[in-house]
Amino acid sequence: METMESRGPYIGAAMLCERVLEENDGVLSAIRIVDRWTMPRPPVNNDERTAARLQLVVLVVLKAGEATGPHMISVNMSTPSGDEDEGVAYAFNLEGEDRGLNLIVPTLIETEQEGLYWFNVRIDGVQLTRIPLRVSWQQDDELSGQRQ
């Protein structure tokens, strides 16, 4: 697998969370960082399972290092079965050294299957990192326990 050169950009953070707060001074707060999510099993309608919906935020913080100039960053999701969505892409400019990018992407995940989802982060088409999310369905006994 091709990876980014050692001259940058560098990953300051790459995570999934419920919310990201950005203060007036540019400081970020990642709220409820997650890599596992247990949710009710989606119902079956007309012999087909409907998708469960999960809203999270993809947060990627980059520092330029020696990298400068215009670049393209993309984030897309791979499902447990290996399907990949189109994802999103953004153009950005690196100014070098400790300057960088705070990418905050609200994401609605429609899950039809349990398992390991991956969020692939690429710069100029080259894999920079991957962020995992394990989705599990609640067991029937967990559901009955919650309703008491």
Protein backbone atom coordinates (compact mmCIF):
# COMPACT_ATOMS: atom_id res chain seq x y z
CA MET A 1 0.00 0.00 0.00
CA GLU A 2 1.32 3.40 -0.93
CA THR A 3 1.56 5.84 2.01
CA MET A 4 2.38 9.51 2.45
CA GLU A 5 6.02 10.56 2.40
CA SER A 6 7.74 11.11 5.76
CA ARG A 7 8.01 14.86 5.11
CA GLY A 8 4.30 15.42 5.81
CA PRO A 9 1.58 16.11 6.26
CA TYR A 10 1.34 14.45 9.65
CA ILE A 11 -1.75 13.23 11.48
CA GLY A 12 -2.49 15.18 14.66
CA ALA A 13 -5.75 13.27 15.18
CA ALA A 14 -8.12 11.06 13.21
CA MET A 15 -11.27 9.90 14.98
CA LEU A 16 -15.02 9.48 15.03
CA CYS A 17 -16.96 11.34 17.68
CA GLU A 18 -20.49 12.47 18.43
CA ARG A 19 -19.70 16.16 18.22
CA VAL A 20 -16.84 18.61 17.66
CA LEU A 21 -16.81 22.05 19.25
CA GLU A 22 -14.65 24.72 17.68
CA GLU A 23 -14.03 27.76 19.88
CA ASN A 24 -13.43 31.31 18.61
CA ASP A 25 -9.69 30.86 19.17
CA GLY A 26 -9.66 27.77 16.92
CA VAL A 27 -9.29 25.23 19.74
CA LEU A 28 -11.21 21.99 19.11
CA SER A 29 -13.00 19.74 21.59
CA ALA A 30 -13.95 16.24 20.42
CA ILE A 31 -17.00 15.05 22.38
CA ARG A 32 -17.58 11.32 22.97
CA ILE A 33 -14.88 9.73 20.82
CA VAL A 34 -16.12 6.33 19.59
CA ASP A 35 -14.81 3.29 17.78
CA ARG A 36 -17.61 0.88 18.79
CA TRP A 37 -21.36 1.43 18.62
CA THR A 38 -24.14 -0.88 19.79
CA MET A 39 -27.60 -0.11 18.46
CA PRO A 40 -31.02 -1.72 18.05
CA ARG A 41 -31.24 -4.20 15.19
CA PRO A 42 -32.95 -2.53 12.21
CA PRO A 43 -36.50 -3.83 11.56
CA VAL A 44 -37.41 -5.96 8.57
CA ASN A 45 -39.99 -4.46 6.17
CA ASN A 46 -41.31 -6.42 3.19
CA ASP A 47 -38.68 -9.15 3.69
CA GLU A 48 -35.85 -6.58 3.54
CA ARG A 49 -33.91 -5.17 6.45
CA THR A 50 -34.07 -1.39 6.71
CA ALA A 51 -30.94 0.59 7.51
CA ALA A 52 -30.22 1.80 11.02
CA ARG A 53 -28.99 5.39 11.06
CA LEU A 54 -26.09 6.66 13.09
CA GLN A 55 -24.91 10.26 13.05
CA LEU A 56 -21.24 10.85 13.87
CA VAL A 57 -18.51 13.35 13.00
CA VAL A 58 -15.25 12.45 11.27
CA LEU A 59 -12.45 14.61 12.68
CA VAL A 60 -9.05 14.74 10.97
CA VAL A 61 -6.36 17.13 12.18
CA LEU A 62 -3.28 17.50 9.97
CA LYS A 63 0.00 19.35 10.45
CA ALA A 64 1.95 20.23 7.33
CA GLY A 65 5.54 19.47 8.28
CA GLU A 66 7.52 20.15 5.10
CA ALA A 67 4.45 19.73 2.84
CA THR A 68 3.21 22.90 1.16
CA GLY A 69 0.85 23.93 -1.60
CA PRO A 70 -2.57 22.79 -2.81
CA HIS A 71 -3.85 19.30 -2.00
CA MET A 72 -7.06 17.27 -2.01
CA ILE A 73 -8.28 15.32 1.04
CA SER A 74 -11.00 12.69 0.76
CA VAL A 75 -12.87 10.56 3.29
CA ASN A 76 -14.97 7.56 2.32
CA MET A 77 -16.48 4.61 4.17
CA SER A 78 -15.95 0.87 3.58
CA THR A 79 -18.67 -1.46 4.87
CA PRO A 80 -18.00 -4.85 6.51
CA SER A 81 -18.80 -6.52 3.16
CA GLY A 82 -16.13 -4.39 1.41
CA ASP A 83 -18.41 -1.94 -0.42
CA GLU A 84 -17.11 1.64 -0.51
CA ASP A 85 -19.20 4.78 -0.71
CA GLU A 86 -18.25 7.78 -2.82
CA GLY A 87 -17.43 9.86 0.25
CA VAL A 88 -16.46 13.51 0.28
CA ALA A 89 -13.45 15.44 -1.01
CA TYR A 90 -12.11 18.89 -0.17
CA ALA A 91 -9.37 21.05 -1.66
CA PHE A 92 -7.01 22.69 0.85
CA ASN A 93 -3.67 24.48 0.96
CA LEU A 94 -0.73 23.63 3.23
CA GLU A 95 1.57 26.43 4.40
CA GLY A 96 4.24 24.23 5.99
CA GLU A 97 5.60 23.60 9.49
CA ASP A 98 2.97 23.60 12.28
CA ARG A 99 0.22 24.98 10.03
CA GLY A 100 -2.38 22.50 8.91
CA LEU A 101 -6.01 21.54 8.50
CA ASN A 102 -8.89 20.74 10.85
CA LEU A 103 -11.36 18.68 8.82
CA ILE A 104 -14.76 18.26 10.51
CA VAL A 105 -17.20 16.14 8.49
CA PRO A 106 -20.71 15.43 9.88
CA THR A 107 -21.59 11.94 8.66
CA LEU A 108 -24.87 10.01 8.52
CA ILE A 109 -24.08 6.31 8.48
CA GLU A 110 -26.83 4.01 7.24
CA THR A 111 -25.93 0.58 8.58
CA GLU A 112 -27.58 -2.55 7.23
CA GLN A 113 -24.98 -4.93 8.61
CA GLU A 114 -23.04 -5.56 11.77
CA GLY A 115 -19.28 -5.54 11.63
CA LEU A 116 -16.25 -3.38 11.08
CA TYR A 117 -16.65 -0.19 9.04
CA TRP A 118 -13.57 1.76 7.94
CA PHE A 119 -13.30 5.47 7.14
CA ASN A 120 -10.47 5.87 4.64
CA VAL A 121 -8.58 9.18 4.67
CA ARG A 122 -6.59 9.95 1.53
CA ILE A 123 -4.55 12.95 0.44
CA ASP A 124 -4.11 13.37 -3.29
CA GLY A 125 -5.38 9.80 -3.71
CA VAL A 126 -2.79 8.30 -1.33
CA GLN A 127 -3.98 6.50 1.82
CA LEU A 128 -3.04 8.55 4.90
CA THR A 129 -4.93 6.58 7.57
CA ARG A 130 -8.08 4.57 8.33
CA ILE A 131 -10.52 5.09 11.20
CA PRO A 132 -12.39 1.98 12.45
CA LEU A 133 -15.99 1.74 13.67
CA ARG A 134 -17.36 -1.58 14.98
CA VAL A 135 -21.19 -1.70 14.76
CA SER A 136 -23.03 -4.33 16.82
CA TRP A 137 -26.72 -5.05 17.21
CA GLN A 138 -28.21 -5.18 20.70
CA GLN A 139 -29.24 -8.66 21.76
CA ASP A 140 -32.93 -9.29 22.49
CA ASP A 141 -32.21 -9.74 26.22
CA GLU A 142 -30.45 -6.33 26.27
CA LEU A 143 -33.56 -4.75 24.71
CA SER A 144 -35.91 -6.33 27.24
CA GLY A 145 -33.64 -5.21 30.08
CA GLN A 146 -33.81 -1.61 28.92
CA ARG A 147 -37.60 -1.57 28.80
CA GLN A 148 -38.14 -2.55 32.43
